[in-house]
Amino acid sequence: MQEYDLILNHLVKKAKSGDEKAFNEILKILDPEIKKIAHKFYIVGSDEQDVIQECRIGVNKAVKDFDEQGGMTFKNFCMSLCCKRHLITAMSHANTQKFRLQNEAVSLSAPVSQNEEDGIQTYADYIQDPNSDLLAQYIMREEFETNLDMISEKLTKLEMSIFEQYSVNSSYKNIADNLQVKPKTVDNALMRIRKKSSETYQTYLATHSIINYGFSTSISTSNIVEMCMVGLGVTNFTFFGTNI
């Protein structure tokens, strides 16, 4: 065994017992080899000095695990096995962290709640539109539902059935086939529904204060009528030019 190896073995024994100076001397002796190995490896997000530091951690492990009777010199055991293995482990961990954001990302379409009353809610449903006025939207929805309830109370059983069919954008023919009536009956009923909707909305305008939220309050009667006509089956509709 060469004098170089004997010196390292002596220092390793002292370092095993907690001699910090002996460990620093080992690092000093092996420094050229450490830098040579570090130059061959690349760890994502690290520079050369970080790789050298990882090599030094490998040296520390080699000191703890070295067996003089194992048939290898400390230098070979440390550089060829411990340091390289530690660097490979560090590289693997760094690559895992590199894709961590991608692997842990959650789609905005992923369901947050599937409550029967609320329906399926996704993360996207909880993202506030910076351009929206929540107070205005809330009041507009209330106004819409109030008008819808008032109109529904004035409809006959047949008109209500046609109302519900029309709300899912059924054609006159489909409505007639589903309810087993003539298309002309559907057309006449829809005319009556529009008339009742118009009268209901005019009554609403006369008894409620319309608040200006930055859009025109001169709303056409036909607009509210059509909204009420399709309101039963629609959860995302345009109300007075504003999406709800």
C-alpha atoms as a PDB file:
ATOM      1  CA  MET A   1       0.000   0.000   0.000  1.00  0.00           C
ATOM      2  CA  GLN A   2       1.412   3.387  -0.964  1.00  0.00           C
ATOM      3  CA  GLU A   3       2.241   6.078   1.572  1.00  0.00           C
ATOM      4  CA  TYR A   4      -0.550   8.226   0.067  1.00  0.00           C
ATOM      5  CA  ASP A   5      -3.123   5.543   0.925  1.00  0.00           C
ATOM      6  CA  LEU A   6      -1.682   4.981   4.395  1.00  0.00           C
ATOM      7  CA  ILE A   7      -2.009   8.682   5.166  1.00  0.00           C
ATOM      8  CA  LEU A   8      -5.639   8.679   3.996  1.00  0.00           C
ATOM      9  CA  ASN A   9      -6.436   5.581   6.052  1.00  0.00           C
ATOM     10  CA  HIS A  10      -4.970   7.230   9.131  1.00  0.00           C
ATOM     11  CA  LEU A  11      -6.988  10.379   8.543  1.00  0.00           C
ATOM     12  CA  VAL A  12     -10.165   8.354   7.928  1.00  0.00           C
ATOM     13  CA  LYS A  13      -9.789   6.620  11.310  1.00  0.00           C
ATOM     14  CA  LYS A  14      -9.469   9.983  13.038  1.00  0.00           C
ATOM     15  CA  ALA A  15     -12.366  11.464  11.034  1.00  0.00           C
ATOM     16  CA  LYS A  16     -14.564   8.483  11.986  1.00  0.00           C
ATOM     17  CA  SER A  17     -14.050   9.391  15.630  1.00  0.00           C
ATOM     18  CA  GLY A  18     -15.216  12.955  14.967  1.00  0.00           C
ATOM     19  CA  ASP A  19     -11.917  14.722  14.224  1.00  0.00           C
ATOM     20  CA  GLU A  20     -13.018  17.648  12.025  1.00  0.00           C
ATOM     21  CA  LYS A  21      -9.446  18.658  11.189  1.00  0.00           C
ATOM     22  CA  ALA A  22      -8.756  15.165   9.871  1.00  0.00           C
ATOM     23  CA  PHE A  23     -11.867  15.332   7.668  1.00  0.00           C
ATOM     24  CA  ASN A  24     -10.830  18.732   6.286  1.00  0.00           C
ATOM     25  CA  GLU A  25      -7.395  17.312   5.518  1.00  0.00           C
ATOM     26  CA  ILE A  26      -9.031  14.462   3.571  1.00  0.00           C
ATOM     27  CA  LEU A  27     -10.988  17.022   1.541  1.00  0.00           C
ATOM     28  CA  LYS A  28      -7.794  18.952   0.863  1.00  0.00           C
ATOM     29  CA  ILE A  29      -5.981  15.854  -0.355  1.00  0.00           C
ATOM     30  CA  LEU A  30      -8.856  14.720  -2.565  1.00  0.00           C
ATOM     31  CA  ASP A  31      -9.743  18.212  -3.828  1.00  0.00           C
ATOM     32  CA  PRO A  32      -8.229  17.723  -7.343  1.00  0.00           C
ATOM     33  CA  GLU A  33     -10.180  14.459  -7.741  1.00  0.00           C
ATOM     34  CA  ILE A  34     -13.377  16.052  -6.437  1.00  0.00           C
ATOM     35  CA  LYS A  35     -13.154  18.894  -8.952  1.00  0.00           C
ATOM     36  CA  LYS A  36     -12.405  16.456 -11.762  1.00  0.00           C
ATOM     37  CA  ILE A  37     -15.549  14.432 -11.016  1.00  0.00           C
ATOM     38  CA  ALA A  38     -17.696  17.514 -10.424  1.00  0.00           C
ATOM     39  CA  HIS A  39     -16.737  18.830 -13.847  1.00  0.00           C
ATOM     40  CA  LYS A  40     -18.302  15.718 -15.459  1.00  0.00           C
ATOM     41  CA  PHE A  41     -21.684  15.988 -13.749  1.00  0.00           C
ATOM     42  CA  TYR A  42     -24.543  18.474 -14.100  1.00  0.00           C
ATOM     43  CA  ILE A  43     -27.344  18.918 -11.571  1.00  0.00           C
ATOM     44  CA  VAL A  44     -30.450  20.839 -12.696  1.00  0.00           C
ATOM     45  CA  GLY A  45     -30.628  24.242 -11.032  1.00  0.00           C
ATOM     46  CA  SER A  46     -27.067  24.003  -9.645  1.00  0.00           C
ATOM     47  CA  ASP A  47     -23.689  25.430 -10.578  1.00  0.00           C
ATOM     48  CA  GLU A  48     -20.266  23.766 -10.366  1.00  0.00           C
ATOM     49  CA  GLN A  49     -19.721  24.809  -6.748  1.00  0.00           C
ATOM     50  CA  ASP A  50     -22.996  23.100  -5.790  1.00  0.00           C
ATOM     51  CA  VAL A  51     -21.841  19.909  -7.497  1.00  0.00           C
ATOM     52  CA  ILE A  52     -18.508  20.099  -5.634  1.00  0.00           C
ATOM     53  CA  GLN A  53     -20.402  20.450  -2.363  1.00  0.00           C
ATOM     54  CA  GLU A  54     -22.431  17.341  -3.203  1.00  0.00           C
ATOM     55  CA  CYS A  55     -19.130  15.503  -3.818  1.00  0.00           C
ATOM     56  CA  ARG A  56     -17.926  16.555  -0.376  1.00  0.00           C
ATOM     57  CA  ILE A  57     -21.099  15.079   1.119  1.00  0.00           C
ATOM     58  CA  GLY A  58     -20.174  11.877  -0.740  1.00  0.00           C
ATOM     59  CA  VAL A  59     -16.732  12.003   0.878  1.00  0.00           C
ATOM     60  CA  ASN A  60     -18.371  12.272   4.299  1.00  0.00           C
ATOM     61  CA  LYS A  61     -20.424   9.148   3.558  1.00  0.00           C
ATOM     62  CA  ALA A  62     -17.302   7.357   2.367  1.00  0.00           C
ATOM     63  CA  VAL A  63     -15.532   8.141   5.644  1.00  0.00           C
ATOM     64  CA  LYS A  64     -18.400   6.647   7.640  1.00  0.00           C
ATOM     65  CA  ASP A  65     -18.708   3.499   5.488  1.00  0.00           C
ATOM     66  CA  PHE A  66     -15.065   2.747   4.605  1.00  0.00           C
ATOM     67  CA  ASP A  67     -13.710  -0.642   5.653  1.00  0.00           C
ATOM     68  CA  GLU A  68      -9.949  -0.956   5.436  1.00  0.00           C
ATOM     69  CA  GLN A  69     -10.316  -4.724   5.003  1.00  0.00           C
ATOM     70  CA  GLY A  70     -12.697  -4.368   2.063  1.00  0.00           C
ATOM     71  CA  GLY A  71     -10.023  -4.718  -0.604  1.00  0.00           C
ATOM     72  CA  MET A  72     -10.241  -1.129  -1.948  1.00  0.00           C
ATOM     73  CA  THR A  73      -8.199   1.944  -1.230  1.00  0.00           C
ATOM     74  CA  PHE A  74     -10.102   4.797   0.382  1.00  0.00           C
ATOM     75  CA  LYS A  75      -9.541   6.979  -2.664  1.00  0.00           C
ATOM     76  CA  ASN A  76     -11.172   4.464  -5.044  1.00  0.00           C
ATOM     77  CA  PHE A  77     -13.965   3.665  -2.600  1.00  0.00           C
ATOM     78  CA  CYS A  78     -14.656   7.356  -2.072  1.00  0.00           C
ATOM     79  CA  MET A  79     -14.317   8.703  -5.623  1.00  0.00           C
ATOM     80  CA  SER A  80     -15.506   5.778  -7.757  1.00  0.00           C
ATOM     81  CA  LEU A  81     -18.353   4.612  -5.551  1.00  0.00           C
ATOM     82  CA  CYS A  82     -19.588   6.982  -2.872  1.00  0.00           C
ATOM     83  CA  CYS A  83     -19.174  10.343  -4.634  1.00  0.00           C
ATOM     84  CA  LYS A  84     -20.515   9.153  -7.982  1.00  0.00           C
ATOM     85  CA  ARG A  85     -23.472   7.386  -6.397  1.00  0.00           C
ATOM     86  CA  HIS A  86     -24.317  10.459  -4.336  1.00  0.00           C
ATOM     87  CA  LEU A  87     -24.102  12.697  -7.411  1.00  0.00           C
ATOM     88  CA  ILE A  88     -26.378  10.370  -9.388  1.00  0.00           C
ATOM     89  CA  THR A  89     -28.898  10.450  -6.534  1.00  0.00           C
ATOM     90  CA  ALA A  90     -28.684  14.260  -6.382  1.00  0.00           C
ATOM     91  CA  MET A  91     -29.230  14.491 -10.153  1.00  0.00           C
ATOM     92  CA  SER A  92     -32.269  12.210  -9.978  1.00  0.00           C
ATOM     93  CA  HIS A  93     -33.778  14.253  -7.146  1.00  0.00           C
ATOM     94  CA  ALA A  94     -33.159  17.515  -9.022  1.00  0.00           C
ATOM     95  CA  ASN A  95     -34.844  16.158 -12.148  1.00  0.00           C
ATOM     96  CA  THR A  96     -37.855  15.138 -10.063  1.00  0.00           C
ATOM     97  CA  GLN A  97     -38.079  18.653  -8.617  1.00  0.00           C
ATOM     98  CA  LYS A  98     -37.783  20.093 -12.121  1.00  0.00           C
ATOM     99  CA  PHE A  99     -41.105  18.504 -13.117  1.00  0.00           C
ATOM    100  CA  ARG A 100     -42.737  18.948  -9.703  1.00  0.00           C
ATOM    101  CA  LEU A 101     -44.905  21.874 -10.812  1.00  0.00           C
ATOM    102  CA  GLN A 102     -46.074  19.977 -13.869  1.00  0.00           C
ATOM    103  CA  ASN A 103     -46.724  16.768 -11.919  1.00  0.00           C
ATOM    104  CA  GLU A 104     -48.602  18.492  -9.094  1.00  0.00           C
ATOM    105  CA  ALA A 105     -50.557  20.919 -11.249  1.00  0.00           C
ATOM    106  CA  VAL A 106     -54.342  20.660 -11.086  1.00  0.00           C
ATOM    107  CA  SER A 107     -56.534  21.342 -14.094  1.00  0.00           C
ATOM    108  CA  LEU A 108     -58.934  24.270 -13.805  1.00  0.00           C
ATOM    109  CA  SER A 109     -61.539  21.852 -15.134  1.00  0.00           C
ATOM    110  CA  ALA A 110     -61.040  19.470 -12.209  1.00  0.00           C
ATOM    111  CA  PRO A 111     -64.192  19.167 -10.072  1.00  0.00           C
ATOM    112  CA  VAL A 112     -64.097  20.760  -6.622  1.00  0.00           C
ATOM    113  CA  SER A 113     -67.618  19.876  -5.586  1.00  0.00           C
ATOM    114  CA  GLN A 114     -70.199  17.477  -6.945  1.00  0.00           C
ATOM    115  CA  ASN A 115     -72.997  18.383  -4.574  1.00  0.00           C
ATOM    116  CA  GLU A 116     -76.360  17.425  -6.033  1.00  0.00           C
ATOM    117  CA  GLU A 117     -77.800  20.853  -5.232  1.00  0.00           C
ATOM    118  CA  ASP A 118     -74.866  22.852  -6.602  1.00  0.00           C
ATOM    119  CA  GLY A 119     -74.032  20.572  -9.517  1.00  0.00           C
ATOM    120  CA  ILE A 120     -70.423  20.006 -10.533  1.00  0.00           C
ATOM    121  CA  GLN A 121     -68.184  22.954  -9.625  1.00  0.00           C
ATOM    122  CA  THR A 122     -64.636  23.286 -10.940  1.00  0.00           C
ATOM    123  CA  TYR A 123     -61.655  25.371  -9.834  1.00  0.00           C
ATOM    124  CA  ALA A 124     -62.355  27.716 -12.748  1.00  0.00           C
ATOM    125  CA  ASP A 125     -65.712  28.567 -11.167  1.00  0.00           C
ATOM    126  CA  TYR A 126     -63.873  30.161  -8.239  1.00  0.00           C
ATOM    127  CA  ILE A 127     -61.703  32.493 -10.339  1.00  0.00           C
ATOM    128  CA  GLN A 128     -63.127  35.993 -10.154  1.00  0.00           C
ATOM    129  CA  ASP A 129     -63.357  38.027 -13.315  1.00  0.00           C
ATOM    130  CA  PRO A 130     -61.603  41.345 -12.507  1.00  0.00           C
ATOM    131  CA  ASN A 131     -63.921  43.127 -14.947  1.00  0.00           C
ATOM    132  CA  SER A 132     -67.127  41.829 -13.391  1.00  0.00           C
ATOM    133  CA  ASP A 133     -69.313  43.602 -10.862  1.00  0.00           C
ATOM    134  CA  LEU A 134     -70.508  40.896  -8.477  1.00  0.00           C
ATOM    135  CA  LEU A 135     -73.048  43.121  -6.753  1.00  0.00           C
ATOM    136  CA  ALA A 136     -74.609  44.131 -10.063  1.00  0.00           C
ATOM    137  CA  GLN A 137     -74.674  40.526 -11.236  1.00  0.00           C
ATOM    138  CA  TYR A 138     -76.298  39.360  -8.019  1.00  0.00           C
ATOM    139  CA  ILE A 139     -79.038  41.999  -8.266  1.00  0.00           C
ATOM    140  CA  MET A 140     -79.597  41.268 -11.951  1.00  0.00           C
ATOM    141  CA  ARG A 141     -79.983  37.572 -11.240  1.00  0.00           C
ATOM    142  CA  GLU A 142     -82.487  38.373  -8.490  1.00  0.00           C
ATOM    143  CA  GLU A 143     -84.459  40.561 -10.899  1.00  0.00           C
ATOM    144  CA  PHE A 144     -84.445  37.833 -13.511  1.00  0.00           C
ATOM    145  CA  GLU A 145     -85.638  35.136 -11.085  1.00  0.00           C
ATOM    146  CA  THR A 146     -88.335  37.439  -9.719  1.00  0.00           C
ATOM    147  CA  ASN A 147     -89.689  38.060 -13.222  1.00  0.00           C
ATOM    148  CA  LEU A 148     -89.472  34.375 -14.047  1.00  0.00           C
ATOM    149  CA  ASP A 149     -91.485  33.432 -10.957  1.00  0.00           C
ATOM    150  CA  MET A 150     -94.090  36.082 -11.688  1.00  0.00           C
ATOM    151  CA  ILE A 151     -94.498  34.920 -15.292  1.00  0.00           C
ATOM    152  CA  SER A 152     -94.708  31.239 -14.292  1.00  0.00           C
ATOM    153  CA  GLU A 153     -97.649  32.000 -11.970  1.00  0.00           C
ATOM    154  CA  LYS A 154     -99.645  33.414 -14.902  1.00  0.00           C
ATOM    155  CA  LEU A 155     -99.190  30.491 -17.256  1.00  0.00           C
ATOM    156  CA  THR A 156    -101.688  27.702 -17.831  1.00  0.00           C
ATOM    157  CA  LYS A 157    -100.599  24.066 -17.540  1.00  0.00           C
ATOM    158  CA  LEU A 158    -100.174  23.780 -21.320  1.00  0.00           C
ATOM    159  CA  GLU A 159     -98.317  27.078 -21.550  1.00  0.00           C
ATOM    160  CA  MET A 160     -96.019  26.016 -18.719  1.00  0.00           C
ATOM    161  CA  SER A 161     -95.223  22.743 -20.480  1.00  0.00           C
ATOM    162  CA  ILE A 162     -94.415  24.602 -23.700  1.00  0.00           C
ATOM    163  CA  PHE A 163     -92.467  27.173 -21.688  1.00  0.00           C
ATOM    164  CA  GLU A 164     -90.290  24.383 -20.235  1.00  0.00           C
ATOM    165  CA  GLN A 165     -89.772  22.766 -23.646  1.00  0.00           C
ATOM    166  CA  TYR A 166     -88.873  26.106 -25.226  1.00  0.00           C
ATOM    167  CA  SER A 167     -86.336  26.755 -22.454  1.00  0.00           C
ATOM    168  CA  VAL A 168     -84.124  23.961 -23.797  1.00  0.00           C
ATOM    169  CA  ASN A 169     -84.263  25.404 -27.317  1.00  0.00           C
ATOM    170  CA  SER A 170     -86.629  22.778 -28.713  1.00  0.00           C
ATOM    171  CA  SER A 171     -88.101  23.505 -32.138  1.00  0.00           C
ATOM    172  CA  TYR A 172     -91.821  24.032 -32.578  1.00  0.00           C
ATOM    173  CA  LYS A 173     -92.079  20.587 -34.189  1.00  0.00           C
ATOM    174  CA  ASN A 174     -90.190  18.872 -31.356  1.00  0.00           C
ATOM    175  CA  ILE A 175     -92.329  20.612 -28.750  1.00  0.00           C
ATOM    176  CA  ALA A 176     -95.482  19.602 -30.587  1.00  0.00           C
ATOM    177  CA  ASP A 177     -94.309  15.978 -30.884  1.00  0.00           C
ATOM    178  CA  ASN A 178     -93.273  15.798 -27.220  1.00  0.00           C
ATOM    179  CA  LEU A 179     -96.559  17.249 -25.956  1.00  0.00           C
ATOM    180  CA  GLN A 180     -98.690  15.591 -28.663  1.00  0.00           C
ATOM    181  CA  VAL A 181    -100.199  18.865 -29.864  1.00  0.00           C
ATOM    182  CA  LYS A 182    -100.205  20.690 -33.182  1.00  0.00           C
ATOM    183  CA  PRO A 183     -97.310  23.037 -34.082  1.00  0.00           C
ATOM    184  CA  LYS A 184     -99.875  25.834 -34.455  1.00  0.00           C
ATOM    185  CA  THR A 185    -100.917  25.244 -30.829  1.00  0.00           C
ATOM    186  CA  VAL A 186     -97.284  25.687 -29.798  1.00  0.00           C
ATOM    187  CA  ASP A 187     -96.990  28.881 -31.831  1.00  0.00           C
ATOM    188  CA  ASN A 188    -100.145  30.354 -30.300  1.00  0.00           C
ATOM    189  CA  ALA A 189     -99.048  29.415 -26.787  1.00  0.00           C
ATOM    190  CA  LEU A 190     -95.656  31.043 -27.265  1.00  0.00           C
ATOM    191  CA  MET A 191     -97.352  34.241 -28.437  1.00  0.00           C
ATOM    192  CA  ARG A 192     -99.455  34.254 -25.270  1.00  0.00           C
ATOM    193  CA  ILE A 193     -96.380  33.564 -23.144  1.00  0.00           C
ATOM    194  CA  ARG A 194     -94.573  36.494 -24.757  1.00  0.00           C
ATOM    195  CA  LYS A 195     -97.561  38.746 -24.106  1.00  0.00           C
ATOM    196  CA  LYS A 196     -97.780  37.671 -20.459  1.00  0.00           C
ATOM    197  CA  SER A 197     -94.006  38.067 -20.076  1.00  0.00           C
ATOM    198  CA  SER A 198     -94.181  41.578 -21.491  1.00  0.00           C
ATOM    199  CA  GLU A 199     -97.035  42.550 -19.181  1.00  0.00           C
ATOM    200  CA  THR A 200     -95.237  41.053 -16.169  1.00  0.00           C
ATOM    201  CA  TYR A 201     -92.037  42.933 -16.910  1.00  0.00           C
ATOM    202  CA  GLN A 202     -93.887  46.217 -17.392  1.00  0.00           C
ATOM    203  CA  THR A 203     -95.499  45.683 -13.978  1.00  0.00           C
ATOM    204  CA  TYR A 204     -92.077  44.944 -12.502  1.00  0.00           C
ATOM    205  CA  LEU A 205     -90.636  48.159 -13.973  1.00  0.00           C
ATOM    206  CA  ALA A 206     -93.493  50.142 -12.490  1.00  0.00           C
ATOM    207  CA  THR A 207     -93.044  48.756  -8.989  1.00  0.00           C
ATOM    208  CA  HIS A 208     -89.235  48.442  -8.709  1.00  0.00           C
ATOM    209  CA  SER A 209     -86.411  50.939  -8.956  1.00  0.00           C
ATOM    210  CA  ILE A 210     -84.011  50.072 -11.736  1.00  0.00           C
ATOM    211  CA  ILE A 211     -80.481  50.873 -10.596  1.00  0.00           C
ATOM    212  CA  ASN A 212     -77.908  51.966 -13.136  1.00  0.00           C
ATOM    213  CA  TYR A 213     -74.767  49.809 -12.885  1.00  0.00           C
ATOM    214  CA  GLY A 214     -72.939  51.297 -15.810  1.00  0.00           C
ATOM    215  CA  PHE A 215     -75.191  49.909 -18.541  1.00  0.00           C
ATOM    216  CA  SER A 216     -78.315  51.253 -20.164  1.00  0.00           C
ATOM    217  CA  THR A 217     -81.527  50.870 -18.155  1.00  0.00           C
ATOM    218  CA  SER A 218     -83.767  51.359 -21.200  1.00  0.00           C
ATOM    219  CA  ILE A 219     -84.237  47.632 -21.719  1.00  0.00           C
ATOM    220  CA  SER A 220     -86.420  46.416 -24.503  1.00  0.00           C
ATOM    221  CA  THR A 221     -89.418  44.382 -23.470  1.00  0.00           C
ATOM    222  CA  SER A 222     -88.610  41.775 -26.095  1.00  0.00           C
ATOM    223  CA  ASN A 223     -85.201  41.274 -24.480  1.00  0.00           C
ATOM    224  CA  ILE A 224     -86.587  40.413 -21.062  1.00  0.00           C
ATOM    225  CA  VAL A 225     -89.321  38.292 -22.633  1.00  0.00           C
ATOM    226  CA  GLU A 226     -86.852  36.159 -24.540  1.00  0.00           C
ATOM    227  CA  MET A 227     -84.664  35.834 -21.457  1.00  0.00           C
ATOM    228  CA  CYS A 228     -87.599  34.621 -19.443  1.00  0.00           C
ATOM    229  CA  MET A 229     -88.599  32.322 -22.265  1.00  0.00           C
ATOM    230  CA  VAL A 230     -85.256  30.517 -22.153  1.00  0.00           C
ATOM    231  CA  GLY A 231     -84.542  31.005 -18.474  1.00  0.00           C
ATOM    232  CA  LEU A 232     -85.813  27.714 -17.098  1.00  0.00           C
ATOM    233  CA  GLY A 233     -83.090  25.583 -18.624  1.00  0.00           C
ATOM    234  CA  VAL A 234     -80.197  28.057 -18.820  1.00  0.00           C
ATOM    235  CA  THR A 235     -77.601  28.545 -16.064  1.00  0.00           C
ATOM    236  CA  ASN A 236     -75.279  30.916 -17.944  1.00  0.00           C
ATOM    237  CA  PHE A 237     -77.200  33.568 -19.812  1.00  0.00           C
ATOM    238  CA  THR A 238     -76.889  37.172 -20.920  1.00  0.00           C
ATOM    239  CA  PHE A 239     -78.912  39.561 -18.799  1.00  0.00           C
ATOM    240  CA  PHE A 240     -79.158  43.168 -19.978  1.00  0.00           C
ATOM    241  CA  GLY A 241     -75.893  42.712 -21.888  1.00  0.00           C
ATOM    242  CA  THR A 242     -74.027  41.210 -18.921  1.00  0.00           C
ATOM    243  CA  ASN A 243     -73.061  37.532 -18.611  1.00  0.00           C
ATOM    244  CA  ILE A 244     -74.241  35.856 -15.415  1.00  0.00           C
END
